Amino acid sequence: MQLYNYFRSSASYRVRIAMNLKGLPFDYKAIHLVRNGGEQRSDAFLALNPDGLVPVFIDDTRDPPVKLTQSLAIIEYLDELHPEPPLLPREALERARVRTLAMNIACEIHPVNNLRVLRYLTQVLKVDEAAKNAWYRHWVETGLQAFEKQLVESPMTGTFCHGETPTLADLALVPQVFNARRFDCDLSSMPTVLRIVEACQERDAFKDAVPSEQPDAE
C-alpha cells in the first residue's frame, strides 16, 4: 500500500491514523504542498489525482490495483477490507451519527480552511496575514463549537466521539484540533472536544501519525 501525503495535511493525517490503528504498513510518499510551487501541481502528481490534492492511496495488493483520493472514502475502504478494529459501528443509526460527525469536520470546517483556500485569500484576493488568520479562526471556532454541542447533547458520546473506542469521527477531529492549535484558535469553550482529543493522543496509533513524526516533517 502507498500513501501520497503531506505531513501537515489534515486529510492525510486521518488516513495515517486509520492505517496505524489497523496495523497496516504502507509506503510513505511525501508530496510537499509548498516547495517548488507545490509538488501537488506537478504533471506526475496530477496524473494520480487531477484535483491536485492529498492524500492519494494506492493498494497494489488488489488486482487490479486500487486508487482512491478522498480521505473518508479511503478510511471506509480500509475498514471494510480490514474490519478490526472497526471504525464505524454496526448499527445503522450509530453509523450514521459517526459519519455525520466526521463529515461536519471534513465537509464543513476543513474545506474553507485548507491550504489552497488560504493561499487564494492572500495571493489572489490580497488579504493580509492577520485577516487570513482571522478567517481561519472564525470558521474553525464556529464549526468546533457546533461539534462540541453535538457531543454534549448525545448520550452516545463516551470516552471518544462515539462510545469507548475510536471511530471515523475521532480520526477527523484530532487533525482538525491540531491545526486549530497551530492557528491559535480559542478552544476554551470546547471541553468535551479537548477531553476526547487527549484520550486519542494517549494511543500509539494517534501518536505515530502526528505531523512531527513523519519523514517529511519540517
C-alpha atoms as a PDB file:
ATOM      1  CA  MET A   1       0.000   0.000   0.000  1.00  0.00           C
ATOM      2  CA  GLN A   2       1.174   3.517  -0.803  1.00  0.00           C
ATOM      3  CA  LEU A   3       0.042   6.821   0.663  1.00  0.00           C
ATOM      4  CA  TYR A   4       0.898  10.030  -1.123  1.00  0.00           C
ATOM      5  CA  ASN A   5       0.590  12.655   1.566  1.00  0.00           C
ATOM      6  CA  TYR A   6       1.974  15.739   3.282  1.00  0.00           C
ATOM      7  CA  PHE A   7       2.935  15.723   6.931  1.00  0.00           C
ATOM      8  CA  ARG A   8       0.666  18.649   7.859  1.00  0.00           C
ATOM      9  CA  SER A   9      -2.304  17.734   5.663  1.00  0.00           C
ATOM     10  CA  SER A  10      -5.365  17.094   7.835  1.00  0.00           C
ATOM     11  CA  ALA A  11      -6.844  14.680   5.322  1.00  0.00           C
ATOM     12  CA  SER A  12      -3.575  12.721   5.121  1.00  0.00           C
ATOM     13  CA  TYR A  13      -3.321  12.703   8.907  1.00  0.00           C
ATOM     14  CA  ARG A  14      -6.755  10.998   9.129  1.00  0.00           C
ATOM     15  CA  VAL A  15      -5.662   8.170   6.871  1.00  0.00           C
ATOM     16  CA  ARG A  16      -2.379   7.680   8.701  1.00  0.00           C
ATOM     17  CA  ILE A  17      -4.271   7.205  11.962  1.00  0.00           C
ATOM     18  CA  ALA A  18      -6.594   4.660  10.350  1.00  0.00           C
ATOM     19  CA  MET A  19      -3.730   2.644   8.909  1.00  0.00           C
ATOM     20  CA  ASN A  20      -1.900   2.720  12.229  1.00  0.00           C
ATOM     21  CA  LEU A  21      -4.975   1.572  14.150  1.00  0.00           C
ATOM     22  CA  LYS A  22      -5.347  -1.362  11.778  1.00  0.00           C
ATOM     23  CA  GLY A  23      -1.660  -2.207  11.760  1.00  0.00           C
ATOM     24  CA  LEU A  24      -1.339  -1.768   8.002  1.00  0.00           C
ATOM     25  CA  PRO A  25       2.174  -0.991   6.739  1.00  0.00           C
ATOM     26  CA  PHE A  26       2.439   1.454   3.846  1.00  0.00           C
ATOM     27  CA  ASP A  27       4.993   3.265   1.744  1.00  0.00           C
ATOM     28  CA  TYR A  28       5.054   6.944   2.704  1.00  0.00           C
ATOM     29  CA  LYS A  29       5.179   9.074  -0.444  1.00  0.00           C
ATOM     30  CA  ALA A  30       5.853  12.687   0.519  1.00  0.00           C
ATOM     31  CA  ILE A  31       4.231  15.412  -1.583  1.00  0.00           C
ATOM     32  CA  HIS A  32       5.347  18.856  -0.435  1.00  0.00           C
ATOM     33  CA  LEU A  33       2.447  21.271  -0.815  1.00  0.00           C
ATOM     34  CA  VAL A  34       4.593  24.416  -0.669  1.00  0.00           C
ATOM     35  CA  ARG A  35       8.067  23.653  -2.045  1.00  0.00           C
ATOM     36  CA  ASN A  36       8.714  24.441  -5.729  1.00  0.00           C
ATOM     37  CA  GLY A  37       5.297  25.995  -6.076  1.00  0.00           C
ATOM     38  CA  GLY A  38       3.649  22.881  -4.681  1.00  0.00           C
ATOM     39  CA  GLU A  39       4.562  19.372  -5.787  1.00  0.00           C
ATOM     40  CA  GLN A  40       0.838  18.552  -5.995  1.00  0.00           C
ATOM     41  CA  ARG A  41       0.762  20.714  -9.122  1.00  0.00           C
ATOM     42  CA  SER A  42       3.327  18.612 -10.981  1.00  0.00           C
ATOM     43  CA  ASP A  43       2.249  16.667 -14.051  1.00  0.00           C
ATOM     44  CA  ALA A  44       3.237  13.417 -12.362  1.00  0.00           C
ATOM     45  CA  PHE A  45       1.009  14.041  -9.362  1.00  0.00           C
ATOM     46  CA  LEU A  46      -1.895  15.419 -11.389  1.00  0.00           C
ATOM     47  CA  ALA A  47      -1.839  12.149 -13.320  1.00  0.00           C
ATOM     48  CA  LEU A  48      -2.596  10.460  -9.993  1.00  0.00           C
ATOM     49  CA  ASN A  49      -5.170  12.997  -8.852  1.00  0.00           C
ATOM     50  CA  PRO A  50      -6.436  15.705 -11.228  1.00  0.00           C
ATOM     51  CA  ASP A  51      -7.715  17.660  -8.203  1.00  0.00           C
ATOM     52  CA  GLY A  52      -4.129  18.170  -7.095  1.00  0.00           C
ATOM     53  CA  LEU A  53      -4.937  17.192  -3.526  1.00  0.00           C
ATOM     54  CA  VAL A  54      -3.545  14.770  -0.970  1.00  0.00           C
ATOM     55  CA  PRO A  55      -3.939  12.070   0.100  1.00  0.00           C
ATOM     56  CA  VAL A  56      -3.791   9.613  -2.747  1.00  0.00           C
ATOM     57  CA  PHE A  57      -3.988   5.993  -1.653  1.00  0.00           C
ATOM     58  CA  ILE A  58      -2.869   3.113  -3.861  1.00  0.00           C
ATOM     59  CA  ASP A  59      -3.460  -0.506  -2.924  1.00  0.00           C
ATOM     60  CA  ASP A  60      -1.219  -2.733  -5.021  1.00  0.00           C
ATOM     61  CA  THR A  61      -2.326  -5.771  -3.026  1.00  0.00           C
ATOM     62  CA  ARG A  62      -5.509  -5.821  -5.133  1.00  0.00           C
ATOM     63  CA  ASP A  63      -5.823  -6.999  -8.715  1.00  0.00           C
ATOM     64  CA  PRO A  64      -6.191  -4.639 -10.453  1.00  0.00           C
ATOM     65  CA  PRO A  65      -4.590  -2.080  -8.120  1.00  0.00           C
ATOM     66  CA  VAL A  66      -6.962   0.336  -6.369  1.00  0.00           C
ATOM     67  CA  LYS A  67      -6.533   4.112  -6.315  1.00  0.00           C
ATOM     68  CA  LEU A  68      -8.600   6.350  -4.023  1.00  0.00           C
ATOM     69  CA  THR A  69      -8.349  10.081  -3.400  1.00  0.00           C
ATOM     70  CA  GLN A  70     -10.782  11.103  -0.641  1.00  0.00           C
ATOM     71  CA  SER A  71      -9.722  10.512   2.962  1.00  0.00           C
ATOM     72  CA  LEU A  72     -13.105   9.370   4.285  1.00  0.00           C
ATOM     73  CA  ALA A  73     -13.574   7.018   1.332  1.00  0.00           C
ATOM     74  CA  ILE A  74     -10.072   5.623   1.861  1.00  0.00           C
ATOM     75  CA  ILE A  75     -10.775   5.004   5.533  1.00  0.00           C
ATOM     76  CA  GLU A  76     -14.082   3.278   4.846  1.00  0.00           C
ATOM     77  CA  TYR A  77     -12.410   1.133   2.189  1.00  0.00           C
ATOM     78  CA  LEU A  78      -9.771   0.082   4.717  1.00  0.00           C
ATOM     79  CA  ASP A  79     -12.429  -0.526   7.337  1.00  0.00           C
ATOM     80  CA  GLU A  80     -14.361  -2.867   5.064  1.00  0.00           C
ATOM     81  CA  LEU A  81     -11.309  -4.851   3.967  1.00  0.00           C
ATOM     82  CA  HIS A  82      -9.665  -4.868   7.397  1.00  0.00           C
ATOM     83  CA  PRO A  83     -12.567  -4.717   9.854  1.00  0.00           C
ATOM     84  CA  GLU A  84     -10.573  -4.901  13.092  1.00  0.00           C
ATOM     85  CA  PRO A  85     -10.654  -2.657  14.948  1.00  0.00           C
ATOM     86  CA  PRO A  86     -13.893  -1.287  13.463  1.00  0.00           C
ATOM     87  CA  LEU A  87     -14.023   2.439  12.749  1.00  0.00           C
ATOM     88  CA  LEU A  88     -17.763   2.501  12.123  1.00  0.00           C
ATOM     89  CA  PRO A  89     -20.468   0.995  14.371  1.00  0.00           C
ATOM     90  CA  ARG A  90     -22.550  -1.900  13.105  1.00  0.00           C
ATOM     91  CA  GLU A  91     -25.963  -0.410  13.922  1.00  0.00           C
ATOM     92  CA  ALA A  92     -27.313   1.863  11.167  1.00  0.00           C
ATOM     93  CA  LEU A  93     -28.250   4.857  13.323  1.00  0.00           C
ATOM     94  CA  GLU A  94     -24.932   4.817  15.186  1.00  0.00           C
ATOM     95  CA  ARG A  95     -23.039   4.503  11.913  1.00  0.00           C
ATOM     96  CA  ALA A  96     -24.942   7.497  10.546  1.00  0.00           C
ATOM     97  CA  ARG A  97     -24.071   9.514  13.654  1.00  0.00           C
ATOM     98  CA  VAL A  98     -20.365   8.773  13.305  1.00  0.00           C
ATOM     99  CA  ARG A  99     -20.436   9.710   9.621  1.00  0.00           C
ATOM    100  CA  THR A 100     -22.290  12.920  10.461  1.00  0.00           C
ATOM    101  CA  LEU A 101     -19.646  13.943  12.977  1.00  0.00           C
ATOM    102  CA  ALA A 102     -16.815  13.113  10.577  1.00  0.00           C
ATOM    103  CA  MET A 103     -18.468  14.992   7.721  1.00  0.00           C
ATOM    104  CA  ASN A 104     -19.117  18.027   9.898  1.00  0.00           C
ATOM    105  CA  ILE A 105     -15.355  18.394  10.007  1.00  0.00           C
ATOM    106  CA  ALA A 106     -14.291  17.010   6.635  1.00  0.00           C
ATOM    107  CA  CYS A 107     -17.064  18.672   4.608  1.00  0.00           C
ATOM    108  CA  GLU A 108     -17.979  21.800   6.585  1.00  0.00           C
ATOM    109  CA  ILE A 109     -14.983  23.023   8.610  1.00  0.00           C
ATOM    110  CA  HIS A 110     -11.926  21.813   6.725  1.00  0.00           C
ATOM    111  CA  PRO A 111     -12.680  22.811   3.091  1.00  0.00           C
ATOM    112  CA  VAL A 112     -12.877  26.561   3.729  1.00  0.00           C
ATOM    113  CA  ASN A 113      -9.605  26.493   5.659  1.00  0.00           C
ATOM    114  CA  ASN A 114      -7.308  24.229   3.686  1.00  0.00           C
ATOM    115  CA  LEU A 115      -4.078  25.450   2.130  1.00  0.00           C
ATOM    116  CA  ARG A 116      -5.373  26.252  -1.351  1.00  0.00           C
ATOM    117  CA  VAL A 117      -8.205  28.402   0.069  1.00  0.00           C
ATOM    118  CA  LEU A 118      -5.863  30.288   2.392  1.00  0.00           C
ATOM    119  CA  ARG A 119      -3.402  30.850  -0.451  1.00  0.00           C
ATOM    120  CA  TYR A 120      -6.194  32.179  -2.684  1.00  0.00           C
ATOM    121  CA  LEU A 121      -7.124  34.641   0.042  1.00  0.00           C
ATOM    122  CA  THR A 122      -3.587  36.009   0.286  1.00  0.00           C
ATOM    123  CA  GLN A 123      -2.211  35.590  -3.233  1.00  0.00           C
ATOM    124  CA  VAL A 124      -5.257  36.418  -5.358  1.00  0.00           C
ATOM    125  CA  LEU A 125      -7.579  38.459  -3.142  1.00  0.00           C
ATOM    126  CA  LYS A 126      -4.584  40.130  -1.437  1.00  0.00           C
ATOM    127  CA  VAL A 127      -5.931  39.568   2.051  1.00  0.00           C
ATOM    128  CA  ASP A 128      -3.251  40.324   4.631  1.00  0.00           C
ATOM    129  CA  GLU A 129      -1.902  37.715   7.037  1.00  0.00           C
ATOM    130  CA  ALA A 130      -3.897  38.973  10.017  1.00  0.00           C
ATOM    131  CA  ALA A 131      -7.177  38.893   8.101  1.00  0.00           C
ATOM    132  CA  LYS A 132      -6.396  35.434   6.722  1.00  0.00           C
ATOM    133  CA  ASN A 133      -5.789  34.100  10.217  1.00  0.00           C
ATOM    134  CA  ALA A 134      -8.976  35.755  11.461  1.00  0.00           C
ATOM    135  CA  TRP A 135     -10.867  33.990   8.644  1.00  0.00           C
ATOM    136  CA  TYR A 136      -9.357  30.682   9.698  1.00  0.00           C
ATOM    137  CA  ARG A 137     -10.133  31.120  13.367  1.00  0.00           C
ATOM    138  CA  HIS A 138     -13.705  32.239  12.722  1.00  0.00           C
ATOM    139  CA  TRP A 139     -14.686  29.175  10.706  1.00  0.00           C
ATOM    140  CA  VAL A 140     -12.796  26.652  12.820  1.00  0.00           C
ATOM    141  CA  GLU A 141     -14.054  28.013  16.122  1.00  0.00           C
ATOM    142  CA  THR A 142     -17.632  28.258  14.838  1.00  0.00           C
ATOM    143  CA  GLY A 143     -17.529  24.712  13.490  1.00  0.00           C
ATOM    144  CA  LEU A 144     -15.909  23.157  16.544  1.00  0.00           C
ATOM    145  CA  GLN A 145     -18.341  24.923  18.883  1.00  0.00           C
ATOM    146  CA  ALA A 146     -21.195  23.262  16.996  1.00  0.00           C
ATOM    147  CA  PHE A 147     -19.311  19.960  17.145  1.00  0.00           C
ATOM    148  CA  GLU A 148     -18.934  20.345  20.908  1.00  0.00           C
ATOM    149  CA  LYS A 149     -22.687  20.893  21.257  1.00  0.00           C
ATOM    150  CA  GLN A 150     -23.433  17.748  19.271  1.00  0.00           C
ATOM    151  CA  LEU A 151     -21.139  15.739  21.510  1.00  0.00           C
ATOM    152  CA  VAL A 152     -22.581  17.124  24.736  1.00  0.00           C
ATOM    153  CA  GLU A 153     -26.180  16.580  23.699  1.00  0.00           C
ATOM    154  CA  SER A 154     -25.791  12.928  22.689  1.00  0.00           C
ATOM    155  CA  PRO A 155     -25.834  10.004  25.138  1.00  0.00           C
ATOM    156  CA  MET A 156     -23.758   8.103  22.565  1.00  0.00           C
ATOM    157  CA  THR A 157     -20.697  10.220  23.324  1.00  0.00           C
ATOM    158  CA  GLY A 158     -18.256   8.341  25.527  1.00  0.00           C
ATOM    159  CA  THR A 159     -14.514   8.409  26.076  1.00  0.00           C
ATOM    160  CA  PHE A 160     -14.366   9.067  22.341  1.00  0.00           C
ATOM    161  CA  CYS A 161     -16.752  10.832  19.970  1.00  0.00           C
ATOM    162  CA  HIS A 162     -18.884   7.708  19.855  1.00  0.00           C
ATOM    163  CA  GLY A 163     -18.572   5.196  22.638  1.00  0.00           C
ATOM    164  CA  GLU A 164     -15.420   3.714  24.105  1.00  0.00           C
ATOM    165  CA  THR A 165     -13.267   3.099  21.033  1.00  0.00           C
ATOM    166  CA  PRO A 166     -12.016   5.474  18.331  1.00  0.00           C
ATOM    167  CA  THR A 167     -14.170   5.839  15.238  1.00  0.00           C
ATOM    168  CA  LEU A 168     -14.080   7.725  11.961  1.00  0.00           C
ATOM    169  CA  ALA A 169     -15.267  10.802  13.873  1.00  0.00           C
ATOM    170  CA  ASP A 170     -12.171  10.839  16.081  1.00  0.00           C
ATOM    171  CA  LEU A 171      -9.939  10.406  13.048  1.00  0.00           C
ATOM    172  CA  ALA A 172     -11.444  13.605  11.641  1.00  0.00           C
ATOM    173  CA  LEU A 173     -11.429  15.517  14.919  1.00  0.00           C
ATOM    174  CA  VAL A 174      -7.814  15.066  16.014  1.00  0.00           C
ATOM    175  CA  PRO A 175      -6.172  16.586  12.889  1.00  0.00           C
ATOM    176  CA  GLN A 176      -8.645  19.478  12.918  1.00  0.00           C
ATOM    177  CA  VAL A 177      -7.793  20.341  16.512  1.00  0.00           C
ATOM    178  CA  PHE A 178      -4.085  20.011  15.731  1.00  0.00           C
ATOM    179  CA  ASN A 179      -4.423  22.660  13.033  1.00  0.00           C
ATOM    180  CA  ALA A 180      -6.708  24.802  15.187  1.00  0.00           C
ATOM    181  CA  ARG A 181      -3.929  24.990  17.747  1.00  0.00           C
ATOM    182  CA  ARG A 182      -1.414  25.930  15.051  1.00  0.00           C
ATOM    183  CA  PHE A 183      -3.545  28.976  14.245  1.00  0.00           C
ATOM    184  CA  ASP A 184      -4.145  29.875  17.908  1.00  0.00           C
ATOM    185  CA  CYS A 185      -7.871  29.209  17.828  1.00  0.00           C
ATOM    186  CA  ASP A 186      -9.718  29.696  21.106  1.00  0.00           C
ATOM    187  CA  LEU A 187     -10.772  26.194  22.179  1.00  0.00           C
ATOM    188  CA  SER A 188     -11.654  27.090  25.759  1.00  0.00           C
ATOM    189  CA  SER A 189     -15.392  26.638  25.158  1.00  0.00           C
ATOM    190  CA  MET A 190     -14.906  23.052  23.957  1.00  0.00           C
ATOM    191  CA  PRO A 191     -14.005  20.901  26.979  1.00  0.00           C
ATOM    192  CA  THR A 192     -15.539  17.738  25.536  1.00  0.00           C
ATOM    193  CA  VAL A 193     -13.625  18.116  22.281  1.00  0.00           C
ATOM    194  CA  LEU A 194     -10.376  18.614  24.185  1.00  0.00           C
ATOM    195  CA  ARG A 195     -11.051  15.670  26.502  1.00  0.00           C
ATOM    196  CA  ILE A 196     -11.631  13.367  23.538  1.00  0.00           C
ATOM    197  CA  VAL A 197      -8.538  14.587  21.709  1.00  0.00           C
ATOM    198  CA  GLU A 198      -6.475  13.933  24.829  1.00  0.00           C
ATOM    199  CA  ALA A 199      -7.874  10.385  25.059  1.00  0.00           C
ATOM    200  CA  CYS A 200      -6.961   9.781  21.418  1.00  0.00           C
ATOM    201  CA  GLN A 201      -3.451  11.102  21.850  1.00  0.00           C
ATOM    202  CA  GLU A 202      -2.764   8.540  24.551  1.00  0.00           C
ATOM    203  CA  ARG A 203      -2.880   5.819  21.880  1.00  0.00           C
ATOM    204  CA  ASP A 204       0.188   4.934  19.845  1.00  0.00           C
ATOM    205  CA  ALA A 205      -1.738   4.891  16.569  1.00  0.00           C
ATOM    206  CA  PHE A 206      -2.529   8.580  17.024  1.00  0.00           C
ATOM    207  CA  LYS A 207       0.908   9.479  18.402  1.00  0.00           C
ATOM    208  CA  ASP A 208       2.682   7.884  15.449  1.00  0.00           C
ATOM    209  CA  ALA A 209       0.501   9.769  12.965  1.00  0.00           C
ATOM    210  CA  VAL A 210       1.207  13.289  14.255  1.00  0.00           C
ATOM    211  CA  PRO A 211       2.866  15.586  11.710  1.00  0.00           C
ATOM    212  CA  SER A 212       6.099  15.951  13.690  1.00  0.00           C
ATOM    213  CA  GLU A 213       6.685  12.181  13.487  1.00  0.00           C
ATOM    214  CA  GLN A 214       6.504  11.971   9.690  1.00  0.00           C
ATOM    215  CA  PRO A 215       9.584  11.609   7.473  1.00  0.00           C
ATOM    216  CA  ASP A 216       8.881  14.876   5.653  1.00  0.00           C
ATOM    217  CA  ALA A 217       8.272  16.898   8.821  1.00  0.00           C
ATOM    218  CA  GLU A 218       9.938  20.313   8.939  1.00  0.00           C
END
